[in-house]
Protein backbone atom coordinates (compact mmCIF):
# COMPACT_ATOMS: atom_id res chain seq x y z
CA MET A 1 94.84 53.25 141.03
CA LYS A 2 94.36 56.68 139.54
CA VAL A 3 94.71 56.94 135.64
CA HIS A 4 96.59 60.13 134.69
CA LYS A 5 96.31 59.89 130.99
CA HIS A 6 94.45 57.44 128.82
CA LEU A 7 95.44 57.42 125.06
CA LEU A 8 92.91 56.15 122.52
CA LEU A 9 94.10 55.47 119.10
CA CYS A 10 91.88 54.50 116.13
CA ALA A 11 94.32 52.09 114.76
CA THR A 12 92.35 49.37 112.87
CA PRO A 13 88.96 50.64 111.87
CA THR A 14 86.71 48.09 110.39
CA LYS A 15 85.68 50.51 107.58
CA GLN A 16 88.71 52.42 106.70
CA LYS A 17 87.18 55.85 106.20
CA CYS A 18 89.83 57.91 107.86
CA PHE A 19 93.01 56.46 106.32
CA LYS A 20 94.12 53.74 104.18
CA GLY A 21 96.75 50.93 104.54
CA ASP A 22 98.53 49.86 107.56
CA GLU A 23 99.53 53.25 109.19
CA GLY A 24 97.25 52.55 112.17
CA ASN A 25 98.79 49.24 112.97
CA LYS A 26 102.27 50.79 112.61
CA THR A 27 101.44 53.66 114.94
CA TRP A 28 99.89 51.34 117.49
CA GLU A 29 102.89 49.22 117.68
CA CYS A 30 104.90 52.34 118.13
CA LEU A 31 102.58 53.52 120.97
CA LYS A 32 102.83 50.23 122.66
CA LYS A 33 106.63 50.32 122.57
CA THR A 34 106.88 53.84 123.58
CA LEU A 35 104.66 53.20 126.64
CA LYS A 36 106.49 49.95 127.67
CA ASN A 37 109.80 51.91 127.49
CA TYR A 38 108.41 54.46 129.64
CA GLU A 39 107.06 51.93 132.18
CA ASN A 40 110.47 50.21 132.36
CA ASP A 41 112.47 53.33 132.84
CA PRO A 42 113.51 53.70 136.60
CA TYR A 43 113.65 57.41 136.17
CA SER A 44 110.08 58.03 134.86
CA LYS A 45 107.69 60.13 136.81
CA LYS A 46 105.53 57.02 137.14
CA ILE A 47 102.39 58.57 135.85
CA GLN A 48 99.70 56.04 135.28
CA ILE A 49 99.01 55.81 131.61
CA PHE A 50 96.54 53.60 129.80
CA ARG A 51 96.31 52.97 125.99
CA SER A 52 93.38 51.52 124.05
CA LYS A 53 93.21 50.67 120.41
CA VAL A 54 89.71 51.50 119.20
CA ASP A 55 88.07 50.56 116.09
CA CYS A 56 86.78 54.06 115.58
CA LEU A 57 86.54 57.40 117.04
CA ARG A 58 83.74 58.46 114.70
CA ILE A 59 85.82 61.41 113.12
CA CYS A 60 86.27 59.41 109.68
CA LYS A 61 88.89 61.77 108.29
CA ASN A 62 92.54 62.56 108.70
CA GLY A 63 93.38 59.39 110.73
CA PRO A 64 94.74 57.72 112.46
CA ILE A 65 93.33 59.76 115.25
CA LEU A 66 94.80 59.85 118.87
CA LEU A 67 92.64 61.28 121.71
CA ILE A 68 94.33 62.05 124.96
CA TRP A 69 92.10 61.82 127.85
CA PRO A 70 91.08 63.66 130.22
CA ASP A 71 92.89 66.53 128.39
CA GLY A 72 90.33 66.25 125.53
CA ILE A 73 93.19 66.74 122.92
CA TRP A 74 92.57 65.22 119.57
CA TYR A 75 95.59 64.64 117.20
CA GLU A 76 95.12 63.88 113.51
CA LYS A 77 97.36 62.01 110.84
CA VAL A 78 99.12 60.30 113.68
CA SER A 79 102.14 58.40 112.68
CA PRO A 80 104.87 56.50 114.50
CA LYS A 81 107.14 59.48 114.49
CA LYS A 82 104.36 61.72 115.71
CA VAL A 83 103.46 59.23 118.57
CA SER A 84 107.01 59.52 120.07
CA GLU A 85 106.92 63.34 120.01
CA ILE A 86 103.24 63.53 121.34
CA PHE A 87 104.13 61.15 124.21
CA SER A 88 107.49 63.02 125.03
CA SER A 89 106.06 66.50 124.74
CA HIS A 90 102.25 66.21 125.79
CA VAL A 91 101.85 63.11 127.82
CA ILE A 92 105.02 63.36 129.96
CA ASN A 93 105.80 67.05 129.91
CA GLY A 94 102.28 68.71 129.49
CA ASN A 95 102.99 70.49 126.40
CA PRO A 96 100.45 69.69 123.50
CA ILE A 97 101.66 69.86 120.03
CA GLU A 98 99.40 72.53 118.73
CA LYS A 99 100.13 72.16 114.94
CA TRP A 100 98.86 68.61 114.96
CA ILE A 101 95.76 69.20 117.07
CA PHE A 102 92.41 69.50 115.26
CA LYS A 103 90.05 69.50 118.27
CA LYS A 104 89.89 70.15 121.90
CA THR A 105 87.16 68.85 124.13
CA PRO A 106 88.38 69.32 127.81
CA PHE A 107 86.83 66.92 130.35
CA VAL A 108 84.46 68.59 132.83
CA LYS A 109 83.82 67.18 136.18
């Protein structure tokens, strides 16, 4: 099985340095629901997408942080609303949302 995208979200850091409160958990639940809806849609492109909830991506500011691999696109201050837009625009249609990106580290083979 070839993984086309892997979404890593720092949602519940042990030491909350990058955000406070429950925003990470809410964002993670939205990401799970969004991906589940995509997987259940018979008209989807059937791109293999994985998601991982990570403790920390070692940025420690402006979280929650979402890293989309292998694109190497890092989004900051990700919320449930942003997750839906990022998924639709970037993950499915290949159009990153520049105004929310704070770092680009493309994968090199």
